[in-house]
Amino acid sequence: MLDLLARSAARGLPPALPSCIITPPQSKIALYVNRYHLVHQRLRRNRLFRPTHWAGVAGAQGQECELTELKALLGLVGQSKYVLGFLSQPREGEYALEDLSARLPLDIQDAERTPGLFTENSIVVAEGQLQPSGRFKAVALGMPPPESRAASIEALQGLVTFGGSEPDAKEAAAWDASHPDDATLLLSDVWLDDACAMANLEALLATLAEADASSQPPPSLIVLCGDFLSPAGRRAVVGGGAAKTSAAGGAGGGLMGECRRAFDGLGRLLAQFPAVQEKSTLVLVPGPEDVGLGRALPHPGLPRAVLQGLLSAAPNTIVGSNPCRLRHGSCELVVLRSNLQCLLRGTAVVPPMPGSTPFQHAVASVAQQSHLCPVPLEVQPIHWEHDRALWLYPLPHALFLADSAPAGHHVYDSCVSLNPGSLVQGTYCSFNPFTRLGKVCSVQGKGEWQSQEAAVEMD
């Protein structure tokens, strides 16, 4: 980290993939067990769920909500209890709650709910009573309460879970103070074969170059998220929906060849703006339809065979994975490129609470589940052995949930969350690591941009 502080104070920390992605069934079991333990240990520290004999003053005031294992409910018919477990749907319209000890039928028809999208296999806290029929009737259903970043770091006692080596706090703070106007820009759906997207990208780069001429250096970190080919472009190459494969003409033809030509064009575009080319670090994050190992997460970085032209034109380019973890000065940033809002809404077993936007519900779900993609594995495959790459614990300073849905921002429990939207629509987002301010911006025309949303500040 320190060797990059002088250059850009940013570093990509992509999670490593195993040499063999075919893993035993025990890995899938361990995936759910580890997710459960991650949330459970977090709740055990929450003052609301502290056992009575450890609750101190809170327990004496009767404010605790002690969690009960499902197997311990046997013989406790009619008593109000709080339980924690995975929400499942064994059959259409029938729900169940599972923890590491048992599974019980669940009745949530009249249950009050908290913000968030309750999907199958998400971890929930339910308040209710065990009925004589053996069914647990919930009167309240909620997501596990989040834990602040400061509390999580204190509980970890120096253990670094973000990845890489932790930078010296004083040096990182000094870098922030010396770059008060620096920013991280994030763009998504950078369709390199689409005229509208490239026109918007050129307009933004021209704006940054003009600002540099006025003694305002360009942002030291620019993150470009896929997909890097438009749907129409992919269909034209693969013949209307054939499987993605590097064998389709190798690096000179087919999908790989089209990607190589697209990134060559990006390299030529960057060469027109030497200030951005020299002073900004470029990070590439692949999208769900980009070339690679299918759609499973974590997705490795783009093949270097298609990036040679870009890497020659912009040596400061980092080939990141999806998700990608970055350090920018003293801030920890997490980037995920996925159509997460669509996945969450499509797999929700109950309608979301009114009064919040889809993006706010998505952020609440991700933060409370401590996981970047809390949807069934059948909907979003995940490499079982590397599910930890999607853990969101502790909460980062900024979370970029790049999505094809309309741009948005939300501050959730001190975490600034941003969705840049689609570059084709002319939107992107910016985050200042010094002021901890994030905003959604829009490209209005060549050399012009304006803030589309008010800046949000981290608590």
Protein backbone atom coordinates (compact mmCIF):
# COMPACT_ATOMS: atom_id res chain seq x y z
CA MET A 1 0.00 0.00 0.00
CA LEU A 2 2.69 2.51 0.97
CA ASP A 3 4.47 2.17 -2.36
CA LEU A 4 1.30 3.42 -4.05
CA LEU A 5 0.49 6.26 -1.65
CA ALA A 6 2.89 8.55 -3.47
CA ARG A 7 1.33 7.71 -6.84
CA SER A 8 -2.41 7.43 -6.32
CA ALA A 9 -3.13 6.10 -2.82
CA ALA A 10 -5.25 3.44 -4.47
CA ARG A 11 -4.80 -0.27 -4.80
CA GLY A 12 -6.91 -3.03 -6.20
CA LEU A 13 -7.22 -6.05 -3.95
CA PRO A 14 -9.02 -8.71 -6.00
CA PRO A 15 -9.79 -11.92 -4.15
CA ALA A 16 -7.80 -14.90 -5.38
CA LEU A 17 -9.56 -17.77 -7.09
CA PRO A 18 -8.62 -21.39 -6.46
CA SER A 19 -6.56 -23.29 -9.01
CA CYS A 20 -9.54 -25.67 -9.26
CA ILE A 21 -13.08 -24.31 -9.05
CA ILE A 22 -14.62 -27.77 -8.69
CA THR A 23 -14.94 -28.18 -4.92
CA PRO A 24 -16.53 -30.89 -2.73
CA PRO A 25 -20.13 -30.62 -1.45
CA GLN A 26 -18.84 -29.88 2.05
CA SER A 27 -17.76 -26.46 0.75
CA LYS A 28 -21.38 -25.51 0.04
CA ILE A 29 -22.37 -26.53 3.57
CA ALA A 30 -19.49 -24.52 5.01
CA LEU A 31 -20.62 -21.50 2.97
CA TYR A 32 -23.94 -21.30 4.83
CA VAL A 33 -22.43 -22.23 8.21
CA ASN A 34 -19.85 -19.45 7.93
CA ARG A 35 -22.47 -16.91 6.87
CA TYR A 36 -24.57 -17.85 9.90
CA HIS A 37 -21.65 -17.56 12.31
CA LEU A 38 -20.65 -14.20 10.82
CA VAL A 39 -24.07 -12.70 11.56
CA HIS A 40 -24.59 -14.56 14.83
CA GLN A 41 -21.36 -13.35 16.45
CA ARG A 42 -22.27 -9.83 15.36
CA LEU A 43 -25.66 -10.03 17.06
CA ARG A 44 -24.21 -11.52 20.24
CA ARG A 45 -22.41 -8.21 20.74
CA ASN A 46 -25.51 -6.13 20.07
CA ARG A 47 -26.92 -4.79 23.32
CA LEU A 48 -30.43 -5.86 22.28
CA PHE A 49 -29.44 -9.52 21.94
CA ARG A 50 -27.03 -9.86 24.85
CA PRO A 51 -27.90 -12.79 27.16
CA THR A 52 -29.49 -11.63 30.39
CA HIS A 53 -26.59 -12.71 32.60
CA TRP A 54 -24.21 -10.58 30.47
CA ALA A 55 -26.53 -7.67 29.77
CA GLY A 56 -25.67 -5.64 32.87
CA VAL A 57 -27.80 -2.54 33.25
CA ALA A 58 -29.63 -3.22 29.96
CA GLY A 59 -30.66 -6.64 31.24
CA ALA A 60 -31.83 -5.22 34.53
CA GLN A 61 -34.10 -2.85 32.63
CA GLY A 62 -35.58 -5.74 30.63
CA GLN A 63 -34.41 -4.41 27.26
CA GLU A 64 -32.67 -7.56 26.05
CA CYS A 65 -34.06 -9.87 23.34
CA GLU A 66 -32.20 -13.11 23.92
CA LEU A 67 -31.91 -15.36 20.87
CA THR A 68 -33.14 -18.94 21.21
CA GLU A 69 -32.00 -21.90 19.12
CA LEU A 70 -34.81 -23.54 17.17
CA LYS A 71 -34.24 -26.91 18.81
CA ALA A 72 -34.62 -25.22 22.22
CA LEU A 73 -38.19 -24.21 21.36
CA LEU A 74 -39.37 -27.77 22.00
CA GLY A 75 -41.71 -27.60 24.97
CA LEU A 76 -41.94 -23.79 24.86
CA VAL A 77 -45.30 -23.62 23.11
CA GLY A 78 -47.02 -20.25 23.45
CA GLN A 79 -43.97 -18.40 24.82
CA SER A 80 -42.72 -15.31 22.97
CA LYS A 81 -39.17 -15.90 21.70
CA TYR A 82 -36.61 -14.37 19.34
CA VAL A 83 -34.98 -16.70 16.83
CA LEU A 84 -32.31 -16.32 14.16
CA GLY A 85 -32.10 -18.42 11.02
CA PHE A 86 -32.20 -18.76 7.26
CA LEU A 87 -35.48 -18.00 5.54
CA SER A 88 -36.36 -20.84 3.15
CA GLN A 89 -39.30 -21.86 0.99
CA PRO A 90 -39.60 -25.68 0.87
CA ARG A 91 -42.72 -25.43 -1.31
CA GLU A 92 -44.46 -22.62 -3.14
CA GLY A 93 -46.21 -20.40 -0.58
CA GLU A 94 -44.80 -22.31 2.43
CA TYR A 95 -41.95 -20.86 4.46
CA ALA A 96 -39.53 -22.30 6.97
CA LEU A 97 -36.83 -21.03 9.31
CA GLU A 98 -33.56 -22.95 9.64
CA ASP A 99 -30.56 -22.58 11.90
CA LEU A 100 -27.69 -24.98 12.64
CA SER A 101 -29.87 -27.06 14.95
CA ALA A 102 -33.32 -27.52 13.36
CA ARG A 103 -35.90 -26.36 10.84
CA LEU A 104 -39.40 -25.16 11.67
CA PRO A 105 -42.38 -24.21 9.49
CA LEU A 106 -42.82 -20.44 9.60
CA ASP A 107 -45.96 -18.30 9.42
CA ILE A 108 -45.17 -14.72 8.37
CA GLN A 109 -48.56 -13.76 7.02
CA ASP A 110 -49.28 -11.15 9.71
CA ALA A 111 -45.69 -10.30 10.64
CA GLU A 112 -44.47 -6.71 10.72
CA ARG A 113 -41.31 -6.20 8.66
CA THR A 114 -38.27 -3.94 8.65
CA PRO A 115 -36.72 -2.31 5.53
CA GLY A 116 -34.86 -4.66 3.23
CA LEU A 117 -35.65 -7.39 0.74
CA PHE A 118 -36.26 -10.80 2.30
CA THR A 119 -35.00 -13.41 -0.15
CA GLU A 120 -34.65 -17.15 0.16
CA ASN A 121 -31.54 -18.11 2.16
CA SER A 122 -31.30 -14.65 3.73
CA ILE A 123 -30.71 -14.57 7.49
CA VAL A 124 -33.59 -13.08 9.48
CA VAL A 125 -34.57 -12.39 13.08
CA ALA A 126 -38.13 -13.39 13.94
CA GLU A 127 -40.19 -12.66 17.03
CA GLY A 128 -43.11 -14.95 17.72
CA GLN A 129 -44.46 -18.07 19.38
CA LEU A 130 -44.31 -21.78 18.67
CA GLN A 131 -47.81 -23.08 17.97
CA PRO A 132 -49.13 -26.48 19.12
CA SER A 133 -49.00 -27.55 15.45
CA GLY A 134 -45.21 -27.09 15.49
CA ARG A 135 -45.34 -23.96 13.33
CA PHE A 136 -43.56 -20.79 14.47
CA LYS A 137 -45.96 -17.85 14.08
CA ALA A 138 -43.97 -14.63 13.68
CA VAL A 139 -45.39 -11.30 14.77
CA ALA A 140 -42.27 -9.43 13.57
CA LEU A 141 -39.69 -10.27 10.92
CA GLY A 142 -36.53 -8.25 10.50
CA MET A 143 -33.04 -8.23 9.13
CA PRO A 144 -30.16 -8.67 11.60
CA PRO A 145 -29.39 -5.18 12.97
CA PRO A 146 -26.18 -3.81 11.45
CA GLU A 147 -23.02 -3.18 13.42
CA SER A 148 -21.14 0.08 13.07
CA ARG A 149 -17.75 0.00 11.42
CA ALA A 150 -16.06 1.22 14.62
CA ALA A 151 -17.65 -1.56 16.70
CA SER A 152 -16.65 -4.23 14.18
CA ILE A 153 -13.05 -3.03 14.05
CA GLU A 154 -12.87 -3.00 17.85
CA ALA A 155 -14.21 -6.56 17.98
CA LEU A 156 -11.67 -7.77 15.40
CA GLN A 157 -8.82 -6.56 17.65
CA GLY A 158 -6.39 -5.76 14.88
CA LEU A 159 -7.36 -8.53 12.46
CA VAL A 160 -7.42 -7.14 8.90
CA THR A 161 -10.30 -8.68 6.95
CA PHE A 162 -10.35 -6.18 4.10
CA GLY A 163 -7.37 -7.70 2.33
CA GLY A 164 -3.75 -6.71 1.76
CA SER A 165 -1.62 -4.93 4.32
CA GLU A 166 -3.13 -2.10 6.32
CA PRO A 167 -1.50 1.27 5.57
CA ASP A 168 0.00 3.49 8.21
CA ALA A 169 -2.90 5.59 9.51
CA LYS A 170 -0.85 8.79 9.88
CA GLU A 171 0.56 8.59 6.36
CA ALA A 172 -2.84 7.84 4.86
CA ALA A 173 -4.42 10.76 6.77
CA ALA A 174 -1.60 13.05 5.65
CA TRP A 175 -2.20 12.01 2.04
CA ASP A 176 -5.91 12.81 2.42
CA ALA A 177 -5.13 16.22 3.87
CA SER A 178 -2.76 17.05 1.02
CA HIS A 179 -5.37 16.03 -1.58
CA PRO A 180 -8.60 17.59 -0.24
CA ASP A 181 -10.18 17.88 -3.70
CA ASP A 182 -9.29 14.42 -4.97
CA ALA A 183 -12.02 11.96 -5.84
CA THR A 184 -12.86 8.46 -6.96
CA LEU A 185 -14.99 8.37 -10.10
CA LEU A 186 -17.03 5.27 -10.89
CA LEU A 187 -18.71 4.56 -14.22
CA SER A 188 -20.78 1.51 -15.09
CA ASP A 189 -22.06 -0.05 -18.32
CA VAL A 190 -19.07 1.37 -20.17
CA TRP A 191 -20.11 -0.07 -23.53
CA LEU A 192 -17.00 0.46 -25.63
CA ASP A 193 -18.86 -0.47 -28.82
CA ASP A 194 -21.73 1.97 -28.23
CA ALA A 195 -21.54 5.44 -29.75
CA CYS A 196 -23.61 7.10 -27.00
CA ALA A 197 -21.55 5.60 -24.15
CA MET A 198 -18.26 6.53 -25.83
CA ALA A 199 -19.49 10.07 -26.50
CA ASN A 200 -20.35 10.46 -22.81
CA LEU A 201 -16.98 9.03 -21.78
CA GLU A 202 -15.16 11.38 -24.14
CA ALA A 203 -17.13 14.34 -22.78
CA LEU A 204 -16.20 13.43 -19.22
CA LEU A 205 -12.51 13.00 -20.09
CA ALA A 206 -12.55 16.35 -21.88
CA THR A 207 -13.99 17.95 -18.75
CA LEU A 208 -11.24 16.48 -16.61
CA ALA A 209 -8.56 17.60 -19.07
CA GLU A 210 -9.94 21.16 -19.12
CA ALA A 211 -9.98 21.22 -15.31
CA ASP A 212 -6.34 20.10 -15.28
CA ALA A 213 -5.45 23.02 -17.52
CA SER A 214 -7.03 25.25 -14.83
CA SER A 215 -4.79 23.77 -12.09
CA GLN A 216 -7.38 21.23 -10.95
CA PRO A 217 -5.76 17.78 -11.29
CA PRO A 218 -7.96 14.95 -12.53
CA PRO A 219 -9.19 12.33 -10.03
CA SER A 220 -6.42 9.96 -9.00
CA LEU A 221 -8.75 6.95 -9.27
CA ILE A 222 -11.23 6.17 -12.06
CA VAL A 223 -13.13 2.87 -11.91
CA LEU A 224 -14.70 1.56 -15.10
CA CYS A 225 -17.24 -1.24 -14.67
CA GLY A 226 -18.60 -3.54 -17.36
CA ASP A 227 -20.27 -4.82 -19.23
CA PHE A 228 -17.78 -3.53 -21.77
CA LEU A 229 -19.79 -4.69 -24.80
CA SER A 230 -23.39 -3.71 -25.40
CA PRO A 231 -26.07 -6.44 -25.55
CA ALA A 232 -26.56 -5.76 -29.26
CA GLY A 233 -22.83 -6.03 -29.86
CA ARG A 234 -22.58 -9.35 -28.03
CA ARG A 235 -25.56 -10.78 -29.90
CA ALA A 236 -24.05 -9.77 -33.23
CA VAL A 237 -20.75 -11.51 -32.37
CA VAL A 238 -21.98 -14.76 -30.79
CA GLY A 239 -24.81 -15.30 -33.23
CA GLY A 240 -27.87 -14.52 -31.16
CA GLY A 241 -27.13 -15.96 -27.75
CA ALA A 242 -24.50 -18.66 -28.15
CA ALA A 243 -22.40 -19.38 -25.08
CA LYS A 244 -19.49 -17.08 -24.33
CA THR A 245 -16.26 -18.75 -25.29
CA SER A 246 -12.73 -17.73 -26.08
CA ALA A 247 -12.66 -20.49 -28.65
CA ALA A 248 -14.88 -18.45 -30.95
CA GLY A 249 -12.09 -17.25 -33.16
CA GLY A 250 -9.48 -16.92 -30.40
CA ALA A 251 -8.07 -13.50 -29.52
CA GLY A 252 -8.30 -12.37 -33.14
CA GLY A 253 -11.98 -13.07 -33.76
CA GLY A 254 -15.26 -13.81 -32.09
CA LEU A 255 -16.07 -12.29 -28.70
CA MET A 256 -12.45 -12.11 -27.59
CA GLY A 257 -11.48 -10.33 -30.78
CA GLU A 258 -14.33 -7.85 -30.44
CA CYS A 259 -13.29 -7.13 -26.83
CA ARG A 260 -9.68 -6.61 -27.89
CA ARG A 261 -10.70 -4.11 -30.56
CA ALA A 262 -12.97 -2.30 -28.09
CA PHE A 263 -10.18 -1.87 -25.53
CA ASP A 264 -7.77 -0.80 -28.27
CA GLY A 265 -10.27 1.96 -29.00
CA LEU A 266 -10.37 2.92 -25.33
CA GLY A 267 -6.58 3.16 -25.33
CA ARG A 268 -6.68 5.49 -28.34
CA LEU A 269 -9.31 7.64 -26.61
CA LEU A 270 -7.21 7.97 -23.44
CA ALA A 271 -4.18 8.92 -25.53
CA GLN A 272 -6.08 12.08 -26.54
CA PHE A 273 -6.07 13.21 -22.90
CA PRO A 274 -2.48 12.89 -21.61
CA ALA A 275 -3.27 14.59 -18.29
CA VAL A 276 -5.81 11.91 -17.37
CA GLN A 277 -3.62 9.21 -18.88
CA GLU A 278 -0.65 10.13 -16.69
CA LYS A 279 -2.24 11.32 -13.44
CA SER A 280 -5.17 8.92 -12.99
CA THR A 281 -5.14 5.25 -12.08
CA LEU A 282 -7.67 3.27 -14.09
CA VAL A 283 -9.37 0.22 -12.54
CA LEU A 284 -11.32 -2.23 -14.72
CA VAL A 285 -14.08 -4.25 -13.05
CA PRO A 286 -15.76 -6.88 -15.27
CA GLY A 287 -19.52 -7.13 -15.57
CA PRO A 288 -21.72 -10.23 -15.46
CA GLU A 289 -21.65 -10.68 -19.27
CA ASP A 290 -17.95 -9.97 -19.85
CA VAL A 291 -15.53 -12.66 -20.98
CA GLY A 292 -14.25 -14.92 -18.21
CA LEU A 293 -15.36 -17.84 -16.07
CA GLY A 294 -19.10 -17.46 -16.63
CA ARG A 295 -21.33 -15.47 -14.28
CA ALA A 296 -20.20 -16.95 -10.97
CA LEU A 297 -18.85 -14.57 -8.33
CA PRO A 298 -16.16 -13.65 -7.55
CA HIS A 299 -15.37 -13.02 -11.21
CA PRO A 300 -11.65 -12.84 -12.10
CA GLY A 301 -10.23 -9.89 -13.95
CA LEU A 302 -10.48 -9.54 -17.70
CA PRO A 303 -7.99 -11.61 -19.75
CA ARG A 304 -4.87 -9.61 -20.52
CA ALA A 305 -5.02 -10.93 -24.08
CA VAL A 306 -7.80 -8.42 -24.79
CA LEU A 307 -6.17 -5.54 -22.87
CA GLN A 308 -2.78 -5.20 -24.55
CA GLY A 309 -3.71 -2.06 -26.48
CA LEU A 310 -5.14 -0.37 -23.39
CA LEU A 311 -2.27 -1.40 -21.11
CA SER A 312 0.24 0.00 -23.59
CA ALA A 313 -1.59 3.32 -23.77
CA ALA A 314 -2.40 3.54 -20.03
CA PRO A 315 0.25 1.72 -17.91
CA ASN A 316 -1.50 2.92 -14.72
CA THR A 317 -4.33 0.47 -15.35
CA ILE A 318 -5.28 -2.10 -12.68
CA VAL A 319 -7.13 -5.20 -13.85
CA GLY A 320 -9.55 -5.78 -10.98
CA SER A 321 -11.91 -8.60 -10.16
CA ASN A 322 -15.63 -8.43 -9.43
CA PRO A 323 -16.12 -7.63 -6.58
CA CYS A 324 -13.07 -5.44 -6.11
CA ARG A 325 -11.68 -3.90 -2.94
CA LEU A 326 -9.74 -0.65 -3.13
CA ARG A 327 -7.93 1.63 -0.73
CA HIS A 328 -7.95 5.30 -1.63
CA GLY A 329 -6.03 7.27 0.94
CA SER A 330 -7.47 6.34 4.33
CA CYS A 331 -10.75 5.05 2.85
CA GLU A 332 -11.74 1.48 2.13
CA LEU A 333 -13.93 1.11 -0.96
CA VAL A 334 -15.83 -1.94 -2.19
CA VAL A 335 -17.07 -2.22 -5.78
CA LEU A 336 -19.60 -4.76 -7.02
CA ARG A 337 -20.89 -4.87 -10.59
CA SER A 338 -24.13 -6.82 -10.61
CA ASN A 339 -27.76 -6.19 -11.44
CA LEU A 340 -28.39 -6.61 -7.73
CA GLN A 341 -31.63 -4.68 -7.43
CA CYS A 342 -33.28 -6.85 -10.06
CA LEU A 343 -31.95 -10.03 -8.43
CA LEU A 344 -33.16 -9.03 -4.97
CA ARG A 345 -36.62 -7.96 -6.07
CA GLY A 346 -37.01 -11.03 -8.26
CA THR A 347 -36.23 -13.43 -5.41
CA ALA A 348 -37.98 -11.59 -2.54
CA VAL A 349 -40.50 -13.89 -0.84
CA VAL A 350 -42.52 -11.01 0.64
CA PRO A 351 -43.19 -7.51 -0.75
CA PRO A 352 -40.81 -4.79 0.49
CA MET A 353 -41.88 -2.18 2.99
CA PRO A 354 -43.25 0.99 1.35
CA GLY A 355 -41.53 4.32 1.79
CA SER A 356 -38.05 3.37 0.54
CA THR A 357 -36.56 3.24 -2.95
CA PRO A 358 -35.36 -0.06 -4.47
CA PHE A 359 -31.76 1.10 -4.04
CA GLN A 360 -32.31 1.86 -0.35
CA HIS A 361 -33.80 -1.60 0.14
CA ALA A 362 -30.83 -3.16 -1.66
CA VAL A 363 -28.32 -1.28 0.50
CA ALA A 364 -30.17 -2.24 3.69
CA SER A 365 -30.19 -5.90 2.66
CA VAL A 366 -26.50 -6.00 1.80
CA ALA A 367 -25.38 -4.14 4.94
CA GLN A 368 -27.53 -6.17 7.35
CA GLN A 369 -26.66 -9.52 5.77
CA SER A 370 -22.93 -8.60 5.75
CA HIS A 371 -22.85 -10.01 2.23
CA LEU A 372 -22.69 -8.35 -1.18
CA CYS A 373 -25.13 -10.70 -2.92
CA PRO A 374 -27.62 -12.31 -0.48
CA VAL A 375 -29.68 -14.16 -3.10
CA PRO A 376 -30.08 -17.91 -3.71
CA LEU A 377 -27.12 -19.63 -5.34
CA GLU A 378 -29.44 -20.86 -8.09
CA VAL A 379 -29.99 -17.24 -9.11
CA GLN A 380 -26.43 -15.95 -8.64
CA PRO A 381 -23.80 -18.73 -8.58
CA ILE A 382 -20.90 -18.22 -6.20
CA HIS A 383 -17.62 -20.10 -5.96
CA TRP A 384 -18.24 -21.95 -2.71
CA GLU A 385 -14.68 -21.82 -1.42
CA HIS A 386 -14.49 -18.06 -1.98
CA ASP A 387 -17.79 -16.82 -0.66
CA ARG A 388 -15.76 -14.81 1.86
CA ALA A 389 -14.75 -12.49 -1.00
CA LEU A 390 -18.34 -11.19 -0.89
CA TRP A 391 -18.47 -10.67 2.88
CA LEU A 392 -19.11 -7.07 3.87
CA TYR A 393 -17.65 -7.02 7.34
CA PRO A 394 -16.75 -4.50 8.66
CA LEU A 395 -18.73 -2.03 6.60
CA PRO A 396 -16.44 -0.06 4.25
CA HIS A 397 -16.30 3.71 4.07
CA ALA A 398 -17.93 3.63 0.64
CA LEU A 399 -19.87 0.92 -1.18
CA PHE A 400 -20.34 1.12 -4.96
CA LEU A 401 -23.18 -1.14 -6.10
CA ALA A 402 -22.86 -0.62 -9.85
CA ASP A 403 -26.16 -1.56 -11.43
CA SER A 404 -28.06 -1.02 -14.68
CA ALA A 405 -30.89 0.44 -12.59
CA PRO A 406 -31.22 4.25 -12.34
CA ALA A 407 -28.46 5.99 -10.40
CA GLY A 408 -28.92 6.56 -6.68
CA HIS A 409 -27.19 7.19 -3.37
CA HIS A 410 -27.92 6.35 0.24
CA VAL A 411 -26.06 6.63 3.55
CA TYR A 412 -26.66 3.56 5.69
CA ASP A 413 -25.13 3.36 9.15
CA SER A 414 -22.14 5.56 8.20
CA CYS A 415 -21.50 3.72 4.90
CA VAL A 416 -21.85 5.90 1.80
CA SER A 417 -23.52 3.76 -0.87
CA LEU A 418 -23.65 4.82 -4.51
CA ASN A 419 -25.01 3.41 -7.75
CA PRO A 420 -23.58 5.23 -10.79
CA GLY A 421 -26.33 4.00 -13.10
CA SER A 422 -25.53 3.44 -16.78
CA LEU A 423 -23.04 5.55 -18.70
CA VAL A 424 -25.35 5.25 -21.70
CA GLN A 425 -27.82 7.36 -19.68
CA GLY A 426 -25.01 9.81 -18.90
CA THR A 427 -24.71 9.19 -15.15
CA TYR A 428 -21.74 8.33 -12.94
CA CYS A 429 -20.77 8.87 -9.31
CA SER A 430 -17.98 10.54 -7.37
CA PHE A 431 -16.62 10.02 -3.86
CA ASN A 432 -14.16 12.28 -2.02
CA PRO A 433 -11.96 10.27 0.39
CA PHE A 434 -11.05 13.37 2.42
CA THR A 435 -14.49 14.83 3.06
CA ARG A 436 -16.23 11.43 2.80
CA LEU A 437 -18.79 12.99 0.46
CA GLY A 438 -20.45 11.10 -2.37
CA LYS A 439 -22.63 12.35 -5.19
CA VAL A 440 -24.25 11.20 -8.40
CA CYS A 441 -23.38 13.29 -11.45
CA SER A 442 -24.54 13.39 -15.04
CA VAL A 443 -22.76 14.24 -18.26
CA GLN A 444 -24.76 17.01 -19.91
CA GLY A 445 -22.71 17.46 -23.05
CA LYS A 446 -19.16 17.66 -24.23
CA GLY A 447 -17.10 19.30 -21.54
CA GLU A 448 -20.03 19.78 -19.15
CA TRP A 449 -21.34 17.94 -16.12
CA GLN A 450 -23.53 18.74 -13.19
CA SER A 451 -24.46 17.13 -9.91
CA GLN A 452 -27.70 15.22 -10.23
CA GLU A 453 -28.09 14.48 -6.54
CA ALA A 454 -27.15 16.40 -3.43
CA ALA A 455 -23.92 15.31 -1.81
CA VAL A 456 -24.25 12.91 1.09
CA GLU A 457 -21.94 12.91 4.05
CA MET A 458 -20.82 9.93 6.08
CA ASP A 459 -21.96 10.08 9.68
